């Protein structure tokens, strides 16, 4: 088993101080592929660090980025929703904030700048897709039940990254009717994308801390979580990430 180290990483987006969590293998002989891991609307928390540790075990240096600001840690879901809506309504801001995390990750001497990846969940999945739409220097991104709509559609040839979209058929937060417009956007832009829909799952299927909410079609689904995680690792490996 690979040992890993964890430390705070301070960086900035303009005048906004940010504080992410870096989790990476303890030692390596060569620069590692890096993953920008983007949190759900509830912000940084243990559910994200567990994902980061699993990625470090697989051979990645992982930055759990901070989309809200140093010290901004919502205490309730209501508070988190209010903060998340700011960037959901301003996709340019969302892209810039995520790009600041990517720059911080790329600037680490232990990270291979030619093998940068992003992965996110719900709000974070949306941010990962927005980062890909922006033409950021990413190899591949994975969105777990991320918001698919955008105010800044992908331009033909703009995306450098391959995109993996992992979605639950029972999701009412990001309902299946939003998939065809997303696919049309990707097809118009001639993007390299892969879409996987899990019939047995809804929103938040990878988050063991998510409360069951039938109204939103939201619940943790361990079997789907395992399938989707494996799908991501294979997708990243195919794109030049850590070998399986």
C-alpha atoms as a PDB file:
ATOM      1  CA  UNK A   1       0.000   0.000   0.000  1.00  0.00           C
ATOM      2  CA  UNK A   2       1.318   3.450  -0.973  1.00  0.00           C
ATOM      3  CA  UNK A   3       1.798   5.807   1.948  1.00  0.00           C
ATOM      4  CA  UNK A   4       0.562   9.332   1.405  1.00  0.00           C
ATOM      5  CA  UNK A   5       1.125  12.774   2.878  1.00  0.00           C
ATOM      6  CA  UNK A   6      -1.481  15.436   3.550  1.00  0.00           C
ATOM      7  CA  UNK A   7      -0.885  19.160   3.879  1.00  0.00           C
ATOM      8  CA  UNK A   8      -2.643  22.483   3.474  1.00  0.00           C
ATOM      9  CA  UNK A   9      -1.921  24.403   0.289  1.00  0.00           C
ATOM     10  CA  UNK A  10      -2.505  28.153   0.293  1.00  0.00           C
ATOM     11  CA  UNK A  11      -3.068  29.895  -3.040  1.00  0.00           C
ATOM     12  CA  UNK A  12      -5.099  32.798  -4.417  1.00  0.00           C
ATOM     13  CA  UNK A  13      -7.684  33.786  -6.985  1.00  0.00           C
ATOM     14  CA  UNK A  14      -7.124  37.487  -7.479  1.00  0.00           C
ATOM     15  CA  UNK A  15      -7.681  39.077  -4.073  1.00  0.00           C
ATOM     16  CA  UNK A  16      -9.377  35.990  -2.649  1.00  0.00           C
ATOM     17  CA  UNK A  17      -7.193  33.761  -0.455  1.00  0.00           C
ATOM     18  CA  UNK A  18      -7.877  30.057  -0.881  1.00  0.00           C
ATOM     19  CA  UNK A  19      -6.787  27.031   1.118  1.00  0.00           C
ATOM     20  CA  UNK A  20      -6.887  23.564  -0.427  1.00  0.00           C
ATOM     21  CA  UNK A  21      -5.772  20.200   0.860  1.00  0.00           C
ATOM     22  CA  UNK A  22      -2.997  18.374  -0.982  1.00  0.00           C
ATOM     23  CA  UNK A  23      -2.918  14.589  -0.663  1.00  0.00           C
ATOM     24  CA  UNK A  24      -0.188  12.720  -2.536  1.00  0.00           C
ATOM     25  CA  UNK A  25       1.981   9.601  -2.400  1.00  0.00           C
ATOM     26  CA  UNK A  26       4.765   9.992   0.141  1.00  0.00           C
ATOM     27  CA  UNK A  27       7.555   9.385  -2.358  1.00  0.00           C
ATOM     28  CA  UNK A  28       7.924   9.096  -6.118  1.00  0.00           C
ATOM     29  CA  UNK A  29      10.725   8.654  -8.643  1.00  0.00           C
ATOM     30  CA  UNK A  30       9.183  10.947 -11.270  1.00  0.00           C
ATOM     31  CA  UNK A  31       6.585  13.713 -11.465  1.00  0.00           C
ATOM     32  CA  UNK A  32       3.104  12.366 -10.799  1.00  0.00           C
ATOM     33  CA  UNK A  33      -0.092  12.920 -12.748  1.00  0.00           C
ATOM     34  CA  UNK A  34      -2.165  15.477 -10.871  1.00  0.00           C
ATOM     35  CA  UNK A  35      -5.894  15.595 -10.147  1.00  0.00           C
ATOM     36  CA  UNK A  36      -7.820  18.713  -9.233  1.00  0.00           C
ATOM     37  CA  UNK A  37     -10.630  17.357  -7.054  1.00  0.00           C
ATOM     38  CA  UNK A  38     -13.612  19.711  -6.767  1.00  0.00           C
ATOM     39  CA  UNK A  39     -16.050  19.492  -3.893  1.00  0.00           C
ATOM     40  CA  UNK A  40     -19.833  19.347  -3.796  1.00  0.00           C
ATOM     41  CA  UNK A  41     -21.893  22.402  -2.816  1.00  0.00           C
ATOM     42  CA  UNK A  42     -21.343  21.604   0.865  1.00  0.00           C
ATOM     43  CA  UNK A  43     -17.645  22.477   0.502  1.00  0.00           C
ATOM     44  CA  UNK A  44     -14.488  20.714   1.568  1.00  0.00           C
ATOM     45  CA  UNK A  45     -15.032  17.807   3.939  1.00  0.00           C
ATOM     46  CA  UNK A  46     -14.119  14.241   4.835  1.00  0.00           C
ATOM     47  CA  UNK A  47     -16.188  12.791   1.988  1.00  0.00           C
ATOM     48  CA  UNK A  48     -13.798  14.544  -0.422  1.00  0.00           C
ATOM     49  CA  UNK A  49     -10.646  13.610   1.454  1.00  0.00           C
ATOM     50  CA  UNK A  50     -11.626   9.933   1.228  1.00  0.00           C
ATOM     51  CA  UNK A  51     -11.793  10.261  -2.564  1.00  0.00           C
ATOM     52  CA  UNK A  52      -8.447  12.063  -2.567  1.00  0.00           C
ATOM     53  CA  UNK A  53      -6.769   9.352  -0.507  1.00  0.00           C
ATOM     54  CA  UNK A  54      -8.064   6.725  -2.941  1.00  0.00           C
ATOM     55  CA  UNK A  55      -6.623   8.680  -5.867  1.00  0.00           C
ATOM     56  CA  UNK A  56      -3.293   9.057  -4.071  1.00  0.00           C
ATOM     57  CA  UNK A  57      -3.305   5.309  -3.520  1.00  0.00           C
ATOM     58  CA  UNK A  58      -3.802   4.924  -7.288  1.00  0.00           C
ATOM     59  CA  UNK A  59      -0.730   7.066  -7.974  1.00  0.00           C
ATOM     60  CA  UNK A  60      -1.985  10.637  -8.306  1.00  0.00           C
ATOM     61  CA  UNK A  61      -1.099  13.872  -6.554  1.00  0.00           C
ATOM     62  CA  UNK A  62      -4.464  15.344  -5.589  1.00  0.00           C
ATOM     63  CA  UNK A  63      -5.442  18.883  -4.719  1.00  0.00           C
ATOM     64  CA  UNK A  64      -8.818  19.140  -3.011  1.00  0.00           C
ATOM     65  CA  UNK A  65      -9.356  22.663  -4.227  1.00  0.00           C
ATOM     66  CA  UNK A  66     -11.164  25.437  -2.413  1.00  0.00           C
ATOM     67  CA  UNK A  67     -13.967  26.989  -4.447  1.00  0.00           C
ATOM     68  CA  UNK A  68     -15.325  29.257  -1.688  1.00  0.00           C
ATOM     69  CA  UNK A  69     -12.372  30.929   0.022  1.00  0.00           C
ATOM     70  CA  UNK A  70     -10.055  30.287   2.951  1.00  0.00           C
ATOM     71  CA  UNK A  71     -12.121  29.960   6.100  1.00  0.00           C
ATOM     72  CA  UNK A  72     -15.431  29.814   4.217  1.00  0.00           C
ATOM     73  CA  UNK A  73     -16.798  26.480   5.383  1.00  0.00           C
ATOM     74  CA  UNK A  74     -20.613  26.296   5.323  1.00  0.00           C
ATOM     75  CA  UNK A  75     -22.096  24.874   8.507  1.00  0.00           C
ATOM     76  CA  UNK A  76     -25.517  23.996   7.078  1.00  0.00           C
ATOM     77  CA  UNK A  77     -26.813  22.828   3.717  1.00  0.00           C
ATOM     78  CA  UNK A  78     -28.909  26.009   3.481  1.00  0.00           C
ATOM     79  CA  UNK A  79     -25.811  28.150   3.921  1.00  0.00           C
ATOM     80  CA  UNK A  80     -23.907  26.032   1.404  1.00  0.00           C
ATOM     81  CA  UNK A  81     -26.657  26.385  -1.202  1.00  0.00           C
ATOM     82  CA  UNK A  82     -26.566  30.168  -0.909  1.00  0.00           C
ATOM     83  CA  UNK A  83     -22.792  30.222  -1.438  1.00  0.00           C
ATOM     84  CA  UNK A  84     -22.837  27.712  -4.296  1.00  0.00           C
ATOM     85  CA  UNK A  85     -25.550  29.624  -6.176  1.00  0.00           C
ATOM     86  CA  UNK A  86     -23.175  32.548  -6.650  1.00  0.00           C
ATOM     87  CA  UNK A  87     -20.919  30.517  -8.924  1.00  0.00           C
ATOM     88  CA  UNK A  88     -23.740  28.521 -10.474  1.00  0.00           C
ATOM     89  CA  UNK A  89     -25.107  31.859 -11.679  1.00  0.00           C
ATOM     90  CA  UNK A  90     -21.683  33.170 -12.724  1.00  0.00           C
ATOM     91  CA  UNK A  91     -19.937  30.463 -14.724  1.00  0.00           C
ATOM     92  CA  UNK A  92     -17.038  32.753 -15.616  1.00  0.00           C
ATOM     93  CA  UNK A  93     -16.309  33.109 -11.891  1.00  0.00           C
ATOM     94  CA  UNK A  94     -16.631  29.349 -11.429  1.00  0.00           C
ATOM     95  CA  UNK A  95     -14.120  28.751 -14.218  1.00  0.00           C
ATOM     96  CA  UNK A  96     -11.652  31.281 -12.842  1.00  0.00           C
ATOM     97  CA  UNK A  97     -11.855  29.881  -9.312  1.00  0.00           C
ATOM     98  CA  UNK A  98     -11.298  26.323 -10.560  1.00  0.00           C
ATOM     99  CA  UNK A  99      -8.468  27.515 -12.817  1.00  0.00           C
ATOM    100  CA  UNK A 100      -6.720  29.029  -9.784  1.00  0.00           C
ATOM    101  CA  UNK A 101      -6.706  25.573  -8.199  1.00  0.00           C
ATOM    102  CA  UNK A 102      -5.408  23.989 -11.371  1.00  0.00           C
ATOM    103  CA  UNK A 103      -2.571  26.535 -11.557  1.00  0.00           C
ATOM    104  CA  UNK A 104      -1.660  25.799  -7.937  1.00  0.00           C
ATOM    105  CA  UNK A 105      -1.579  22.070  -8.674  1.00  0.00           C
ATOM    106  CA  UNK A 106       0.407  22.528 -11.885  1.00  0.00           C
ATOM    107  CA  UNK A 107       2.944  24.663 -10.049  1.00  0.00           C
ATOM    108  CA  UNK A 108       3.972  21.869  -7.708  1.00  0.00           C
ATOM    109  CA  UNK A 109       7.355  20.419  -8.626  1.00  0.00           C
ATOM    110  CA  UNK A 110       6.132  16.880  -7.993  1.00  0.00           C
ATOM    111  CA  UNK A 111       3.319  17.141 -10.577  1.00  0.00           C
ATOM    112  CA  UNK A 112       3.652  16.407 -14.293  1.00  0.00           C
ATOM    113  CA  UNK A 113       2.212  19.483 -16.003  1.00  0.00           C
ATOM    114  CA  UNK A 114       1.509  17.392 -19.098  1.00  0.00           C
ATOM    115  CA  UNK A 115      -0.784  15.035 -17.184  1.00  0.00           C
ATOM    116  CA  UNK A 116      -3.381  17.137 -15.411  1.00  0.00           C
ATOM    117  CA  UNK A 117      -6.859  15.840 -14.636  1.00  0.00           C
ATOM    118  CA  UNK A 118      -9.962  17.146 -12.881  1.00  0.00           C
ATOM    119  CA  UNK A 119     -12.807  15.363 -11.158  1.00  0.00           C
ATOM    120  CA  UNK A 120     -15.804  16.742  -9.325  1.00  0.00           C
ATOM    121  CA  UNK A 121     -19.104  15.833  -7.766  1.00  0.00           C
ATOM    122  CA  UNK A 122     -22.416  17.693  -8.316  1.00  0.00           C
ATOM    123  CA  UNK A 123     -21.382  21.372  -8.028  1.00  0.00           C
ATOM    124  CA  UNK A 124     -17.798  20.158  -8.464  1.00  0.00           C
ATOM    125  CA  UNK A 125     -18.691  18.092 -11.514  1.00  0.00           C
ATOM    126  CA  UNK A 126     -20.178  21.204 -13.054  1.00  0.00           C
ATOM    127  CA  UNK A 127     -16.968  23.107 -12.275  1.00  0.00           C
ATOM    128  CA  UNK A 128     -14.843  20.356 -13.847  1.00  0.00           C
ATOM    129  CA  UNK A 129     -16.917  20.532 -17.041  1.00  0.00           C
ATOM    130  CA  UNK A 130     -16.719  24.335 -17.076  1.00  0.00           C
ATOM    131  CA  UNK A 131     -12.948  24.100 -16.732  1.00  0.00           C
ATOM    132  CA  UNK A 132     -12.851  21.735 -19.702  1.00  0.00           C
ATOM    133  CA  UNK A 133     -15.136  24.036 -21.717  1.00  0.00           C
ATOM    134  CA  UNK A 134     -12.748  26.913 -21.015  1.00  0.00           C
ATOM    135  CA  UNK A 135      -9.904  25.138 -22.807  1.00  0.00           C
ATOM    136  CA  UNK A 136      -7.834  24.656 -19.648  1.00  0.00           C
ATOM    137  CA  UNK A 137      -4.684  22.514 -20.076  1.00  0.00           C
ATOM    138  CA  UNK A 138      -6.300  19.307 -18.886  1.00  0.00           C
ATOM    139  CA  UNK A 139      -5.859  15.794 -20.205  1.00  0.00           C
ATOM    140  CA  UNK A 140      -9.234  14.513 -19.028  1.00  0.00           C
ATOM    141  CA  UNK A 141     -12.045  15.374 -16.632  1.00  0.00           C
ATOM    142  CA  UNK A 142     -14.693  13.307 -14.860  1.00  0.00           C
ATOM    143  CA  UNK A 143     -18.021  14.671 -13.694  1.00  0.00           C
ATOM    144  CA  UNK A 144     -19.984  12.670 -11.122  1.00  0.00           C
ATOM    145  CA  UNK A 145     -23.667  13.738 -11.285  1.00  0.00           C
ATOM    146  CA  UNK A 146     -22.544  17.258 -12.172  1.00  0.00           C
ATOM    147  CA  UNK A 147     -24.794  20.007 -13.495  1.00  0.00           C
ATOM    148  CA  UNK A 148     -24.748  19.787 -17.284  1.00  0.00           C
ATOM    149  CA  UNK A 149     -26.186  23.144 -18.333  1.00  0.00           C
ATOM    150  CA  UNK A 150     -24.041  26.190 -18.954  1.00  0.00           C
ATOM    151  CA  UNK A 151     -24.300  29.834 -19.940  1.00  0.00           C
ATOM    152  CA  UNK A 152     -20.999  29.531 -21.841  1.00  0.00           C
ATOM    153  CA  UNK A 153     -21.368  26.662 -24.335  1.00  0.00           C
ATOM    154  CA  UNK A 154     -18.284  24.921 -25.624  1.00  0.00           C
ATOM    155  CA  UNK A 155     -16.880  26.373 -28.843  1.00  0.00           C
ATOM    156  CA  UNK A 156     -15.766  23.986 -31.602  1.00  0.00           C
ATOM    157  CA  UNK A 157     -12.233  22.797 -30.970  1.00  0.00           C
ATOM    158  CA  UNK A 158     -11.878  24.700 -27.691  1.00  0.00           C
ATOM    159  CA  UNK A 159     -11.715  21.765 -25.267  1.00  0.00           C
ATOM    160  CA  UNK A 160      -8.355  20.050 -24.851  1.00  0.00           C
ATOM    161  CA  UNK A 161      -9.655  17.504 -22.351  1.00  0.00           C
ATOM    162  CA  UNK A 162     -11.548  14.305 -22.845  1.00  0.00           C
ATOM    163  CA  UNK A 163     -14.722  14.353 -20.761  1.00  0.00           C
ATOM    164  CA  UNK A 164     -16.359  11.565 -18.776  1.00  0.00           C
ATOM    165  CA  UNK A 165     -19.896  12.158 -17.525  1.00  0.00           C
ATOM    166  CA  UNK A 166     -21.196   9.742 -14.887  1.00  0.00           C
ATOM    167  CA  UNK A 167     -24.888  10.167 -14.194  1.00  0.00           C
ATOM    168  CA  UNK A 168     -27.789   8.514 -12.403  1.00  0.00           C
ATOM    169  CA  UNK A 169     -31.019   7.843 -14.292  1.00  0.00           C
ATOM    170  CA  UNK A 170     -33.058   8.604 -11.161  1.00  0.00           C
ATOM    171  CA  UNK A 171     -31.441  12.004 -10.616  1.00  0.00           C
ATOM    172  CA  UNK A 172     -34.027  14.772 -10.154  1.00  0.00           C
ATOM    173  CA  UNK A 173     -31.477  17.474  -9.333  1.00  0.00           C
ATOM    174  CA  UNK A 174     -29.914  17.083 -12.782  1.00  0.00           C
ATOM    175  CA  UNK A 175     -32.744  15.215 -14.535  1.00  0.00           C
ATOM    176  CA  UNK A 176     -32.157  13.017 -17.582  1.00  0.00           C
ATOM    177  CA  UNK A 177     -33.918  15.549 -19.828  1.00  0.00           C
ATOM    178  CA  UNK A 178     -30.797  17.718 -19.514  1.00  0.00           C
ATOM    179  CA  UNK A 179     -28.636  15.049 -21.141  1.00  0.00           C
ATOM    180  CA  UNK A 180     -29.756  15.542 -24.806  1.00  0.00           C
ATOM    181  CA  UNK A 181     -28.985  19.311 -24.839  1.00  0.00           C
ATOM    182  CA  UNK A 182     -25.594  18.572 -23.299  1.00  0.00           C
ATOM    183  CA  UNK A 183     -24.882  15.944 -25.945  1.00  0.00           C
ATOM    184  CA  UNK A 184     -25.952  18.361 -28.680  1.00  0.00           C
ATOM    185  CA  UNK A 185     -23.512  20.937 -27.292  1.00  0.00           C
ATOM    186  CA  UNK A 186     -20.694  18.375 -27.249  1.00  0.00           C
ATOM    187  CA  UNK A 187     -21.512  17.160 -30.772  1.00  0.00           C
ATOM    188  CA  UNK A 188     -21.567  20.691 -32.189  1.00  0.00           C
ATOM    189  CA  UNK A 189     -18.179  21.341 -30.620  1.00  0.00           C
ATOM    190  CA  UNK A 190     -16.806  17.976 -31.782  1.00  0.00           C
ATOM    191  CA  UNK A 191     -15.743  17.217 -28.214  1.00  0.00           C
ATOM    192  CA  UNK A 192     -14.261  13.926 -27.053  1.00  0.00           C
ATOM    193  CA  UNK A 193     -16.708  12.758 -24.393  1.00  0.00           C
ATOM    194  CA  UNK A 194     -18.104   9.601 -22.857  1.00  0.00           C
ATOM    195  CA  UNK A 195     -21.461   9.450 -21.104  1.00  0.00           C
ATOM    196  CA  UNK A 196     -22.398   6.652 -18.678  1.00  0.00           C
ATOM    197  CA  UNK A 197     -25.871   6.500 -17.121  1.00  0.00           C
ATOM    198  CA  UNK A 198     -26.548   4.174 -14.192  1.00  0.00           C
ATOM    199  CA  UNK A 199     -30.145   2.973 -14.135  1.00  0.00           C
ATOM    200  CA  UNK A 200     -30.181   2.142 -10.417  1.00  0.00           C
ATOM    201  CA  UNK A 201     -28.806   5.448  -9.091  1.00  0.00           C
ATOM    202  CA  UNK A 202     -29.789   9.065  -8.639  1.00  0.00           C
ATOM    203  CA  UNK A 203     -27.989  12.183  -7.476  1.00  0.00           C
ATOM    204  CA  UNK A 204     -25.160  12.026  -4.902  1.00  0.00           C
ATOM    205  CA  UNK A 205     -24.576   8.306  -5.483  1.00  0.00           C
ATOM    206  CA  UNK A 206     -20.876   8.635  -4.525  1.00  0.00           C
ATOM    207  CA  UNK A 207     -21.378  10.567  -1.286  1.00  0.00           C
ATOM    208  CA  UNK A 208     -21.885   8.432   1.864  1.00  0.00           C
ATOM    209  CA  UNK A 209     -22.737  11.610   3.789  1.00  0.00           C
ATOM    210  CA  UNK A 210     -25.625  12.545   1.482  1.00  0.00           C
ATOM    211  CA  UNK A 211     -29.069  12.300   3.099  1.00  0.00           C
ATOM    212  CA  UNK A 212     -31.682  10.208   1.315  1.00  0.00           C
ATOM    213  CA  UNK A 213     -34.037  12.606  -0.434  1.00  0.00           C
ATOM    214  CA  UNK A 214     -36.666  10.966  -2.662  1.00  0.00           C
ATOM    215  CA  UNK A 215     -37.913  14.386  -3.807  1.00  0.00           C
ATOM    216  CA  UNK A 216     -34.515  15.108  -5.327  1.00  0.00           C
ATOM    217  CA  UNK A 217     -33.811  11.527  -6.354  1.00  0.00           C
ATOM    218  CA  UNK A 218     -30.744  11.753  -4.155  1.00  0.00           C
ATOM    219  CA  UNK A 219     -29.097   8.956  -2.157  1.00  0.00           C
ATOM    220  CA  UNK A 220     -25.763   7.245  -1.669  1.00  0.00           C
ATOM    221  CA  UNK A 221     -25.547   4.082  -3.782  1.00  0.00           C
ATOM    222  CA  UNK A 222     -22.396   2.106  -2.920  1.00  0.00           C
ATOM    223  CA  UNK A 223     -22.515  -0.280  -5.886  1.00  0.00           C
ATOM    224  CA  UNK A 224     -22.831   2.555  -8.389  1.00  0.00           C
ATOM    225  CA  UNK A 225     -20.141   4.498  -6.542  1.00  0.00           C
ATOM    226  CA  UNK A 226     -17.726   1.595  -7.031  1.00  0.00           C
ATOM    227  CA  UNK A 227     -18.629   1.201 -10.720  1.00  0.00           C
ATOM    228  CA  UNK A 228     -18.285   4.916 -11.434  1.00  0.00           C
ATOM    229  CA  UNK A 229     -14.978   5.166  -9.585  1.00  0.00           C
ATOM    230  CA  UNK A 230     -13.557   2.305 -11.617  1.00  0.00           C
ATOM    231  CA  UNK A 231     -14.866   3.923 -14.795  1.00  0.00           C
ATOM    232  CA  UNK A 232     -12.990   7.107 -13.933  1.00  0.00           C
ATOM    233  CA  UNK A 233      -9.714   5.325 -13.140  1.00  0.00           C
ATOM    234  CA  UNK A 234      -9.873   3.444 -16.456  1.00  0.00           C
ATOM    235  CA  UNK A 235     -10.730   6.649 -18.351  1.00  0.00           C
ATOM    236  CA  UNK A 236      -7.833   8.538 -16.785  1.00  0.00           C
ATOM    237  CA  UNK A 237      -5.428   5.643 -17.388  1.00  0.00           C
ATOM    238  CA  UNK A 238      -6.451   5.496 -21.055  1.00  0.00           C
ATOM    239  CA  UNK A 239      -5.645   9.195 -21.325  1.00  0.00           C
ATOM    240  CA  UNK A 240      -2.160   8.774 -19.878  1.00  0.00           C
ATOM    241  CA  UNK A 241      -2.831   8.886 -16.164  1.00  0.00           C
ATOM    242  CA  UNK A 242      -1.653   6.442 -13.526  1.00  0.00           C
ATOM    243  CA  UNK A 243      -1.637   2.871 -14.857  1.00  0.00           C
ATOM    244  CA  UNK A 244      -4.118   0.443 -13.345  1.00  0.00           C
END
